[in-house]
Amino acid sequence: MYLKMHLLSRRAYSGLLFSQGSMATCLRRGKSLIKPRLCRNISLSCQRYTVMTSWIIERYGRNDVLRFTNNMMFPVIHFPNEVIIKVHAASLNPIDVNMRNGYGAAALNMKRDPLKLKSTGNEFPLTLGRDVSGVIMECGLNVSYFKPGDEVWAAIPPWKQGTISEFVVASGNEISHKPKCLSHMEAASLPYVGLTAWSAMNQIGGLNQDNCSGKRILIFGASGGVGTFAIQLMKAWGGHVTAVCSQDASTLVKKLGADDVIDYKSGDVAEQLKMLPLFDFILDNVGGPTEKWSPDFLKKWSGATYVTLVTPFLLNVDRLGVADGMLQTGVTIGTKTVKHLCKGIHYRWAFFTPSGQSLDEIAKLVESGKIHPVVEQVFSFSEVPKAFLKLEGGRARGKTVINVINKK
């Protein structure tokens, strides 16, 4: 009885959110929208679907917590700026493996439920996956730049339900029109890593197409998803790129445009870097001991910047709680910033930032042939656990993509 009432309430609420495509059709025909007989053919998502297929977790843990289901509740448009996307392809990122293990759960649950109105574990069943390439099925009333049928790509924030599913909800300001030159499998490989690199290098590092020409850029972890995108972005803007990766990835990063390649397995990286001129910018995808010595290879008192994507914020919140974790994080970033500033360099942290506007800029670079997707392997929808194991094994050479349309 409760389930029946719940589904009816979902349908009743969704009935207020007309498909923009259907509404536009009525207006073009000059007919009144208030006549009930004219609205009978309006197609509403919750009248066509109540459940969908998805890969979910119902607890945190290793790979055995992943579970396929045919009964995941169909997503609903709750806000007028949201859209429902039929997922054609998704891709995996290291954050998906970490979230499966419970990384960042405290901070992400705080974002999901700031007032703590819901019970513990309310995030389950949880769908992972951040990248999506697909087709818009429904639009909220305030969505004006997109319409049903548009092919789009996006990176969904980690506090929302993910993309390893038949459908997903996204905000209109998180999505962008998919580059026409890319297939859905190719497009799904770029949004999350692209926006992460864009945040680090453009929004935090201040690099752009006008000031990057001739600057020397050092990238640690250059063969992964963020690294391969960052190489191409810096070359598109005229920078000189030195990539640090293993020898077996050197061919890939050179093909992407890297000017110099440092093999971290062939000897001490610091000793190899001493043979090269100092750098204007460092992007660190590795962290750990690298952070202790790599800033020494920046030009002093010239505005040079070190940006790391490996930060203790989520770990601090998980370990210490929200208040103490944020306090500890503030002290850490403040101390390190002052310490490096006294040495004549800028020290910064960077995070993934969802942005449809930035994806628009990335799409222009893709369409001009300056950015290319780097797909290492494509898995079918039924092989999601294998895809997680592949990513968990490390040694990434680009992205791991999930063909969601292929259910076999």
Foldseek 3Di string as FASTA:
>chain_A
DVVVVVLVVLVVVQVVFFAPVLVVVCVVVVHDPPDVVSCPPGDTPSVVDQWWWAWFAQDADALVRTDIDGGHGDDGDPDQQKFKWQFQKFFDDPVQRVVSNPFLVQVLVCVVPVPPPDDPSPCPRAGDTFKGWGFTQGHGPPHDPDHGGFTKIFGHDPSAHHDLIRMGMDGNFQIAGFQPVDDRQLSNQAHQLVLQLCQQCPVVVVDDLVPLAAFEEEEEPLQEANNLQNLLRSVVSHHAYEYEEAPVLVVVSVVLPHPHYHHVVVDPRVVVLVVDQAGQEYEYADDDPCVVPVVVRHDAQPAREYEYADACQSVLCVVPNDPRSVVVRVVVVVVVQVVVVVRRYGYYYTYRDRGNVVVVVVSVCVNVVSGGAFEDEEAESCCVSVSSVVVVVDPHRGIYMYRSVRND
